[in-house]
Protein backbone atom coordinates (compact mmCIF):
# COMPACT_ATOMS: atom_id res chain seq x y z
CA MET A 1 28.70 -94.07 -45.05
CA ARG A 2 30.72 -94.48 -41.62
CA PHE A 3 33.79 -92.90 -41.44
CA ARG A 4 35.51 -95.77 -40.32
CA ASP A 5 34.27 -97.57 -43.92
CA LEU A 6 35.29 -94.44 -45.67
CA ILE A 7 39.45 -94.93 -44.18
CA LYS A 8 39.33 -98.63 -45.45
CA ASP A 9 38.44 -97.45 -48.36
CA THR A 10 40.15 -94.68 -48.96
CA ILE A 11 43.34 -96.81 -47.65
CA HIS A 12 42.66 -99.24 -50.40
CA THR A 13 42.23 -96.94 -53.15
CA LEU A 14 45.91 -95.86 -51.73
CA LEU A 15 47.70 -99.20 -51.89
CA SER A 16 46.19 -99.90 -55.12
CA HIS A 17 48.20 -97.45 -57.02
CA LYS A 18 51.15 -97.38 -54.35
CA LEU A 19 53.61 -95.83 -57.30
CA ARG A 20 51.51 -93.13 -58.27
CA THR A 21 50.75 -92.24 -54.36
CA ALA A 22 53.73 -92.67 -53.10
CA LEU A 23 55.02 -89.95 -55.35
CA THR A 24 52.05 -87.64 -55.01
CA MET A 25 51.80 -87.59 -51.26
CA PHE A 26 56.19 -86.94 -51.66
CA GLY A 27 55.25 -84.11 -53.75
CA ILE A 28 53.31 -82.20 -51.28
CA ALA A 29 55.48 -82.99 -48.48
CA TRP A 30 59.04 -82.05 -50.58
CA GLY A 31 56.58 -78.87 -51.21
CA ILE A 32 55.87 -78.15 -47.46
CA VAL A 33 59.57 -79.04 -46.74
CA SER A 34 60.51 -76.62 -49.38
CA ILE A 35 58.71 -73.64 -47.91
CA VAL A 36 59.40 -74.33 -44.67
CA VAL A 37 63.16 -74.99 -44.98
CA MET A 38 63.83 -72.23 -47.24
CA VAL A 39 62.42 -69.37 -45.27
CA ALA A 40 63.19 -70.57 -42.24
CA ALA A 41 67.45 -70.71 -43.83
CA GLY A 42 66.36 -67.39 -45.43
CA GLU A 43 65.26 -66.15 -41.58
CA GLY A 44 68.39 -67.42 -40.24
CA LEU A 45 70.54 -65.74 -42.65
CA ARG A 46 69.13 -62.65 -41.63
CA GLN A 47 69.32 -63.35 -38.36
CA GLY A 48 72.99 -64.35 -38.45
CA GLN A 49 73.57 -61.08 -40.63
CA LYS A 50 72.08 -59.18 -37.78
CA LYS A 51 73.73 -60.51 -34.96
CA GLN A 52 77.41 -59.38 -36.58
CA THR A 53 76.25 -56.36 -37.47
CA GLU A 54 75.35 -55.21 -34.12
CA THR A 55 78.70 -56.92 -32.66
CA PHE A 56 79.56 -53.80 -34.66
CA GLY A 57 77.32 -50.82 -33.48
CA LYS A 58 73.87 -50.99 -32.80
CA ASP A 59 71.49 -48.22 -35.36
CA VAL A 60 74.82 -46.30 -35.85
CA MET A 61 76.14 -43.72 -38.13
CA ILE A 62 80.11 -43.21 -38.41
CA VAL A 63 80.66 -39.78 -39.51
CA PHE A 64 83.86 -39.20 -41.15
CA ALA A 65 85.47 -35.70 -42.33
CA GLY A 66 87.25 -35.25 -45.77
CA LYS A 67 87.36 -32.97 -47.99
CA THR A 68 84.95 -30.16 -50.12
CA SER A 69 84.56 -31.55 -53.53
CA LEU A 70 81.92 -28.57 -54.01
CA GLN A 71 82.13 -24.67 -53.76
CA ALA A 72 80.24 -23.30 -50.88
CA GLY A 73 79.88 -19.71 -49.60
CA GLY A 74 82.38 -18.61 -51.63
CA LEU A 75 84.97 -21.01 -50.47
CA ARG A 76 86.82 -23.44 -53.15
CA ALA A 77 86.43 -27.38 -53.38
CA GLY A 78 89.36 -29.64 -52.40
CA ARG A 79 89.18 -28.12 -49.15
CA ARG A 80 90.05 -30.50 -45.56
CA VAL A 81 87.61 -30.30 -43.17
CA ARG A 82 87.67 -31.39 -39.08
CA TRP A 83 84.91 -32.54 -36.76
CA GLU A 84 85.52 -30.56 -32.86
CA ASP A 85 84.44 -31.80 -29.79
CA THR A 86 83.41 -27.80 -29.60
CA ASP A 87 80.74 -28.65 -32.38
CA ILE A 88 79.21 -31.28 -29.91
CA PRO A 89 76.89 -29.28 -28.15
CA THR A 90 75.77 -26.81 -31.32
CA LEU A 91 74.98 -30.82 -32.66
CA GLU A 92 73.02 -32.09 -30.14
CA GLN A 93 70.84 -28.77 -29.66
CA ASP A 94 70.04 -28.98 -33.48
CA SER A 95 69.19 -32.88 -33.81
CA PRO A 96 66.41 -33.43 -31.80
CA ASP A 97 66.12 -37.08 -33.82
CA CYS A 98 69.69 -37.97 -33.22
CA LYS A 99 69.95 -39.80 -29.36
CA TYR A 100 73.63 -40.35 -29.63
CA ILE A 101 76.46 -38.16 -30.95
CA LEU A 102 79.62 -39.21 -29.61
CA PRO A 103 83.11 -37.76 -30.42
CA GLU A 104 86.24 -40.57 -31.26
CA LEU A 105 89.87 -40.05 -30.90
CA GLY A 106 91.75 -43.22 -32.01
CA GLN A 107 95.49 -43.75 -32.22
CA GLY A 108 97.00 -47.11 -33.32
CA ASN A 109 100.30 -48.62 -32.44
CA ILE A 110 100.76 -46.81 -29.16
CA PRO A 111 103.88 -48.13 -27.03
CA VAL A 112 101.38 -50.16 -24.45
CA HIS A 113 102.98 -52.28 -21.54
CA SER A 114 102.07 -53.88 -18.16
CA ASN A 115 104.23 -55.47 -15.43
CA PHE A 116 103.47 -58.82 -17.10
CA ASN A 117 104.10 -58.09 -21.07
CA SER A 118 103.80 -55.04 -23.56
CA ALA A 119 102.50 -54.63 -27.47
CA SER A 120 101.74 -52.18 -29.71
CA ILE A 121 97.90 -51.50 -29.31
CA THR A 122 95.13 -49.38 -30.52
CA VAL A 123 93.71 -47.04 -28.04
CA THR A 124 89.95 -45.13 -28.27
CA GLY A 125 89.02 -42.51 -26.60
CA SER A 126 85.05 -41.65 -26.37
CA ALA A 127 82.46 -40.53 -24.34
CA PRO A 128 80.29 -43.50 -21.59
CA PRO A 129 77.48 -44.46 -24.20
CA PHE A 130 80.41 -45.99 -26.59
CA ALA A 131 79.60 -48.84 -24.85
CA GLU A 132 76.22 -49.35 -25.92
CA VAL A 133 76.40 -47.41 -29.37
CA ARG A 134 79.62 -49.65 -30.26
CA SER A 135 77.83 -52.90 -28.53
CA VAL A 136 81.05 -53.12 -26.05
CA ALA A 137 79.37 -55.42 -23.06
CA VAL A 138 81.08 -55.43 -19.85
CA GLY A 139 82.41 -58.76 -19.30
CA GLU A 140 84.49 -58.16 -16.15
CA GLY A 141 85.29 -54.73 -13.69
CA ARG A 142 83.31 -51.77 -15.57
CA PHE A 143 83.06 -49.30 -18.76
CA TYR A 144 83.99 -45.74 -17.54
CA THR A 145 81.77 -43.41 -16.53
CA ASP A 146 80.97 -39.10 -16.55
CA GLU A 147 82.43 -39.24 -13.70
CA ASP A 148 85.50 -40.23 -14.48
CA MET A 149 85.17 -38.23 -17.78
CA ARG A 150 85.03 -35.12 -15.60
CA GLN A 151 87.44 -35.70 -13.61
CA THR A 152 89.94 -36.60 -16.12
CA ARG A 153 90.12 -40.23 -14.77
CA ARG A 154 93.27 -41.97 -16.27
CA VAL A 155 90.93 -45.93 -16.46
CA ALA A 156 91.30 -48.20 -18.99
CA PHE A 157 89.07 -50.39 -19.93
CA LEU A 158 90.39 -53.42 -22.15
CA GLY A 159 89.47 -56.06 -25.21
CA THR A 160 89.62 -59.59 -23.87
CA ASP A 161 92.56 -60.25 -26.47
CA ALA A 162 94.43 -56.76 -25.00
CA LYS A 163 94.36 -58.10 -21.68
CA LYS A 164 95.11 -61.49 -22.51
CA GLN A 165 98.45 -59.90 -24.39
CA LEU A 166 98.82 -57.38 -21.14
CA PHE A 167 98.34 -59.51 -18.51
CA PRO A 168 98.66 -63.63 -19.24
CA HIS A 169 98.29 -64.77 -15.67
CA SER A 170 96.51 -62.18 -13.54
CA GLU A 171 92.86 -61.18 -13.77
CA GLY A 172 94.04 -57.72 -14.55
CA ILE A 173 91.30 -55.10 -12.98
CA GLY A 174 93.07 -53.28 -10.52
CA GLU A 175 96.54 -53.75 -12.15
CA THR A 176 98.17 -50.28 -14.18
CA VAL A 177 98.48 -50.64 -17.62
CA TYR A 178 101.03 -47.98 -19.43
CA LEU A 179 100.00 -46.17 -22.42
CA ALA A 180 102.98 -44.50 -24.35
CA SER A 181 104.91 -44.41 -20.43
CA ILE A 182 101.43 -42.46 -19.13
CA PRO A 183 99.98 -45.10 -16.30
CA TYR A 184 96.58 -45.80 -16.50
CA LYS A 185 94.11 -47.91 -13.96
CA VAL A 186 92.41 -50.98 -15.44
CA ILE A 187 89.45 -51.01 -14.14
CA GLY A 188 87.04 -53.74 -16.73
CA ILE A 189 87.39 -55.94 -19.21
CA MET A 190 85.33 -56.49 -22.21
CA LYS A 191 83.51 -59.03 -22.82
CA LYS A 192 84.48 -61.41 -26.15
CA LYS A 193 82.86 -60.43 -29.07
CA GLU A 194 82.80 -62.22 -32.56
CA GLN A 195 83.17 -58.33 -35.14
CA ASP A 196 83.08 -58.73 -38.72
CA SER A 197 83.92 -55.32 -39.38
CA SER A 198 85.58 -52.45 -38.20
CA TYR A 199 87.03 -49.11 -39.31
CA ASP A 200 89.96 -48.94 -37.07
CA GLY A 201 90.79 -52.25 -35.90
CA MET A 202 88.63 -55.16 -34.00
CA ASP A 203 87.47 -53.98 -30.51
CA ILE A 204 88.72 -57.00 -28.43
CA ASN A 205 92.80 -55.81 -29.70
CA LYS A 206 91.66 -52.24 -27.98
CA VAL A 207 92.34 -50.25 -25.42
CA PHE A 208 89.31 -48.21 -24.67
CA ILE A 209 89.60 -44.73 -22.07
CA PRO A 210 87.28 -41.85 -21.19
CA PHE A 211 87.80 -38.52 -24.40
CA THR A 212 89.27 -36.53 -21.72
CA PRO A 213 92.34 -37.92 -20.87
CA MET A 214 92.75 -38.99 -24.97
CA ARG A 215 92.33 -35.87 -25.40
CA LEU A 216 94.77 -34.58 -23.08
CA ASP A 217 97.28 -37.73 -23.58
CA PHE A 218 97.21 -38.41 -27.42
CA PRO A 219 96.06 -35.59 -29.24
CA ASN A 220 95.73 -35.56 -32.65
CA LYS A 221 99.15 -34.39 -34.18
CA PRO A 222 99.57 -30.78 -35.87
CA PRO A 223 98.36 -29.44 -38.09
CA ASP A 224 95.27 -30.81 -36.35
CA ASP A 225 94.83 -29.08 -32.59
CA SER A 226 93.84 -30.74 -29.37
CA HIS A 227 89.63 -30.28 -29.59
CA THR A 228 89.61 -32.30 -33.82
CA LEU A 229 88.28 -35.47 -33.65
CA ASP A 230 88.69 -38.70 -35.61
CA ARG A 231 84.69 -39.20 -36.20
CA LEU A 232 81.80 -38.68 -34.74
CA LEU A 233 78.93 -41.75 -33.63
CA VAL A 234 75.43 -40.94 -34.56
CA THR A 235 72.43 -42.79 -33.31
CA PRO A 236 68.64 -41.90 -34.09
CA ALA A 237 66.70 -41.65 -31.34
CA SER A 238 64.45 -44.18 -33.22
CA LEU A 239 64.97 -46.17 -36.43
CA ASP A 240 61.65 -43.98 -37.91
CA GLN A 241 63.88 -41.12 -36.95
CA HIS A 242 67.17 -42.35 -38.86
CA GLU A 243 66.58 -39.97 -42.07
CA ALA A 244 66.13 -36.89 -39.87
CA CYS A 245 68.81 -38.00 -37.72
CA LYS A 246 70.91 -37.94 -40.20
CA ALA A 247 70.42 -35.14 -42.27
CA GLU A 248 70.74 -32.73 -38.89
CA ILE A 249 74.05 -33.87 -38.41
CA VAL A 250 74.68 -33.54 -41.72
CA GLY A 251 73.44 -30.06 -41.71
CA GLY A 252 74.86 -28.82 -38.99
CA LEU A 253 78.29 -30.15 -39.86
CA ALA A 254 77.91 -27.93 -43.03
CA ARG A 255 76.54 -24.79 -41.40
CA LEU A 256 79.57 -25.47 -38.67
CA HIS A 257 82.37 -25.87 -41.16
CA HIS A 258 80.97 -23.94 -44.35
CA PHE A 259 80.28 -27.19 -46.88
CA ASP A 260 77.50 -27.83 -49.13
CA PRO A 261 75.54 -30.39 -47.42
CA LYS A 262 75.24 -32.37 -50.00
CA ASP A 263 79.31 -32.77 -50.79
CA LYS A 264 79.73 -36.17 -49.56
CA GLU A 265 83.19 -36.42 -49.84
CA ALA A 266 82.94 -33.42 -47.08
CA ALA A 267 80.97 -35.77 -44.85
CA SER A 268 81.08 -39.61 -45.42
CA VAL A 269 78.71 -41.28 -43.71
CA TRP A 270 79.02 -45.12 -42.89
CA ASP A 271 75.39 -45.67 -42.02
CA THR A 272 75.11 -48.98 -40.50
CA VAL A 273 71.49 -48.68 -40.44
CA GLU A 274 70.86 -48.54 -44.10
CA ASP A 275 73.22 -51.51 -44.91
CA ALA A 276 71.13 -53.50 -42.60
CA LYS A 277 67.81 -52.50 -44.36
CA ALA A 278 69.54 -53.19 -47.53
CA PHE A 279 70.63 -57.12 -46.12
CA ARG A 280 67.20 -57.30 -45.23
CA ALA A 281 65.80 -56.59 -48.76
CA MET A 282 68.31 -59.02 -50.41
CA THR A 283 67.27 -61.68 -48.03
CA ASP A 284 63.13 -61.05 -47.70
CA GLY A 285 63.73 -61.16 -51.51
CA MET A 286 65.09 -64.60 -51.31
CA LYS A 287 62.27 -66.01 -49.15
CA TYR A 288 59.96 -64.68 -50.97
CA PHE A 289 61.80 -66.16 -54.53
CA LEU A 290 62.31 -69.90 -52.32
CA GLY A 291 58.68 -69.28 -50.79
CA ALA A 292 57.73 -69.77 -54.83
CA VAL A 293 59.84 -72.96 -55.07
CA GLY A 294 57.65 -74.15 -52.92
CA PHE A 295 54.30 -73.17 -53.85
CA THR A 296 54.99 -74.49 -57.11
CA THR A 297 56.43 -77.81 -56.09
CA LEU A 298 53.12 -77.75 -53.40
CA PHE A 299 50.92 -76.93 -56.53
CA LEU A 300 52.13 -79.83 -58.67
CA GLY A 301 51.86 -81.98 -56.14
CA GLY A 302 47.94 -81.17 -55.82
CA LEU A 303 47.90 -81.71 -59.48
CA GLY A 304 49.00 -84.74 -58.61
CA VAL A 305 46.72 -85.66 -56.18
CA MET A 306 44.13 -84.83 -58.19
CA ASN A 307 45.64 -87.37 -61.31
CA VAL A 308 45.06 -89.74 -58.91
CA MET A 309 41.66 -89.13 -57.13
CA LEU A 310 40.47 -88.82 -61.27
CA VAL A 311 42.38 -92.49 -61.63
CA ALA A 312 40.49 -93.78 -58.60
CA VAL A 313 37.00 -92.36 -60.16
CA ARG A 314 37.47 -93.57 -63.36
CA GLU A 315 38.09 -97.79 -62.12
CA ARG A 316 35.54 -97.62 -59.58
CA THR A 317 32.74 -96.38 -62.24
CA ARG A 318 30.31 -99.39 -61.54
CA GLU A 319 31.03 -99.37 -57.61
CA ILE A 320 29.57 -95.56 -57.72
CA GLY A 321 26.79 -96.95 -59.92
CA VAL A 322 25.97 -99.31 -57.64
CA ARG A 323 25.69 -97.14 -54.90
CA LYS A 324 23.61 -95.04 -56.36
CA ALA A 325 21.27 -97.31 -57.22
CA LEU A 326 21.34 -98.61 -53.75
CA GLY A 327 20.22 -95.32 -53.04
CA ALA A 328 23.29 -93.27 -52.43
CA THR A 329 22.65 -89.39 -53.31
CA SER A 330 25.28 -87.71 -55.25
CA ALA A 331 26.21 -85.79 -51.90
CA THR A 332 27.23 -88.93 -50.36
CA ILE A 333 29.33 -89.93 -53.37
CA LEU A 334 30.89 -86.31 -53.22
CA ARG A 335 31.33 -85.96 -49.78
CA GLN A 336 33.37 -89.56 -49.94
CA PHE A 337 35.47 -88.40 -52.67
CA PHE A 338 36.30 -85.24 -50.82
CA VAL A 339 37.34 -86.34 -48.22
CA GLU A 340 39.21 -88.95 -49.88
CA THR A 341 41.29 -86.58 -51.11
CA LEU A 342 42.06 -84.63 -48.34
CA ILE A 343 42.82 -87.78 -46.12
CA VAL A 344 45.63 -88.05 -49.04
CA VAL A 345 46.67 -84.41 -48.31
CA PHE A 346 46.59 -84.22 -44.65
CA ILE A 347 49.22 -87.00 -44.67
CA SER A 348 50.81 -85.81 -47.01
CA GLY A 349 51.50 -82.51 -45.48
CA VAL A 350 52.04 -84.26 -41.46
CA LEU A 351 55.25 -86.17 -43.39
CA GLY A 352 55.92 -82.79 -44.49
CA PHE A 353 55.63 -80.81 -41.55
CA THR A 354 57.68 -83.09 -39.70
CA VAL A 355 60.30 -83.54 -41.77
CA ALA A 356 60.93 -80.07 -42.07
CA PHE A 357 60.54 -79.24 -38.35
CA GLY A 358 62.99 -82.29 -37.41
CA PHE A 359 65.06 -81.16 -40.25
CA CYS A 360 65.81 -77.86 -38.60
CA GLY A 361 66.00 -78.91 -35.61
CA VAL A 362 69.42 -81.52 -36.59
CA VAL A 363 70.84 -78.80 -38.62
CA ASP A 364 70.09 -76.00 -34.89
CA LEU A 365 72.21 -78.72 -32.82
CA LEU A 366 75.32 -78.14 -35.83
CA PRO A 367 77.84 -75.50 -35.22
CA MET A 368 77.17 -72.43 -36.97
CA PRO A 369 79.23 -69.99 -39.00
CA PRO A 370 79.20 -66.33 -38.42
CA PHE A 371 76.28 -64.72 -40.30
CA PHE A 372 74.04 -67.87 -40.20
CA SER A 373 71.90 -68.28 -37.21
CA GLY A 374 70.75 -71.74 -38.27
CA LEU A 375 67.59 -72.97 -39.78
CA ILE A 376 64.44 -70.84 -37.79
CA PRO A 377 61.24 -72.26 -38.63
CA SER A 378 58.41 -69.15 -38.57
CA TRP A 379 55.02 -69.62 -37.41
CA GLN A 380 53.81 -67.62 -40.03
CA ALA A 381 55.78 -69.49 -42.88
CA ALA A 382 54.33 -72.73 -41.18
CA LEU A 383 50.29 -70.77 -41.37
CA LEU A 384 51.47 -69.97 -44.73
CA SER A 385 52.24 -73.12 -45.93
CA PHE A 386 48.98 -74.86 -43.94
CA SER A 387 46.95 -72.17 -45.54
CA LEU A 388 48.50 -72.89 -49.06
CA LEU A 389 48.13 -76.99 -48.29
CA GLY A 390 44.64 -76.19 -46.95
CA ALA A 391 44.10 -74.54 -51.05
CA ILE A 392 45.40 -77.12 -52.81
CA ALA A 393 43.66 -79.42 -51.42
CA ILE A 394 40.49 -78.51 -51.81
CA ALA A 395 41.85 -76.88 -55.78
CA ALA A 396 42.44 -81.21 -55.82
CA ALA A 397 39.07 -82.53 -54.08
CA MET A 398 36.64 -80.63 -56.06
CA TYR A 399 37.14 -81.50 -59.80
CA PRO A 400 37.61 -85.34 -58.70
CA ALA A 401 34.26 -85.43 -56.46
CA ASN A 402 32.21 -84.32 -58.72
CA ARG A 403 33.17 -86.02 -61.60
CA ALA A 404 32.27 -89.41 -59.33
CA ALA A 405 28.73 -87.34 -57.69
CA SER A 406 27.96 -87.31 -61.50
CA VAL A 407 28.19 -90.50 -62.78
CA ASP A 408 24.67 -91.85 -63.60
CA PRO A 409 24.31 -94.97 -62.41
CA ILE A 410 22.06 -96.94 -65.37
CA GLU A 411 25.60 -95.40 -67.51
CA ALA A 412 28.01 -96.91 -64.82
CA LEU A 413 26.47 -100.47 -64.91
CA ARG A 414 26.16 -100.68 -68.89
CA HIS A 415 30.01 -99.68 -69.33
CA GLU A 416 31.26 -102.11 -66.76
CA ALA A 417 28.88 -105.12 -68.48
CA GLY A 418 30.28 -103.63 -71.96
CA GLY A 419 33.63 -103.76 -70.43
């Protein structure tokens, strides 16, 4: 049989059972849409959360000091510990798996004013890599440098909202801002960013200054001294070195401040790497579940195709008998019904992929909430859907095709005559 005739016979068969065929094709198409869209939604959620996390800081661990809850070295529990900037050289030497170990001081509600306006704003002091570690991007001007640190220069980098409040009608760069009446020169403005978490306020509402003038002008109050820190910011040299880096930092602090390294009350770590891993595990689980739902739908659609083709075999028994009587081989009949089934599945798959990717494209044109990056279909999901569709198509085609090929021509003609 020529392929053109095969196509005609297939179309005739499908049109003879419009409702059943439509429902079957819908089942397969819906399975494809389910897999692609559901996996795309999970990926969009994961990417959205990743972007939100990176606005706070990329692979950063914030190490807070607290009170000991365990006895160590003969010292009592309940003892207050505080990190000091003099700890950092030792920690850097003993922590080869860490990329950055940064000091941070922060003072909230410092009276700040410019020649145009005043405000009560959080002032933060750290080292130059702070901009990289905490994802503080430069919108205009520059961030402070190592030279600013060495020279103890009183320079300031403003968050976007802080700039709007202090310099509503001026560019701000090159102007003077007064922190508790101490003049600082504005050298840069932060690029606006969305941020969903913090430990001391949103970055857009802050003034960032080098650590050395921060320690000089705004040290922690007694009983702390001028070397005391609020926290340490730590990043691993790579994600593979994350656990080793954390162990080195906590172990180093424990040696310096005489507490048990297992004492989580003494050294509390906000680990964004662990948070990201936990969220990824959750979204991966969701993707697998949604993919399983789509696979189940595809499987049920495949059963529908098999049912349609079995009905076609039963209703075309005489036709099969005549063709075999005229010399058609079982292989020819097998190929005919096998190809017919593949055509049904192929059309359904094309419709499913078209609807799925079209729907994703339309949704991505809409404004997205902060934690969602849209529907992001991946080639992996498409390849998985295509592979499942191919497997189901072959499984759905084999049984009815074999049934058709095994029809005895004499029995088929006798059955038709008796009917």
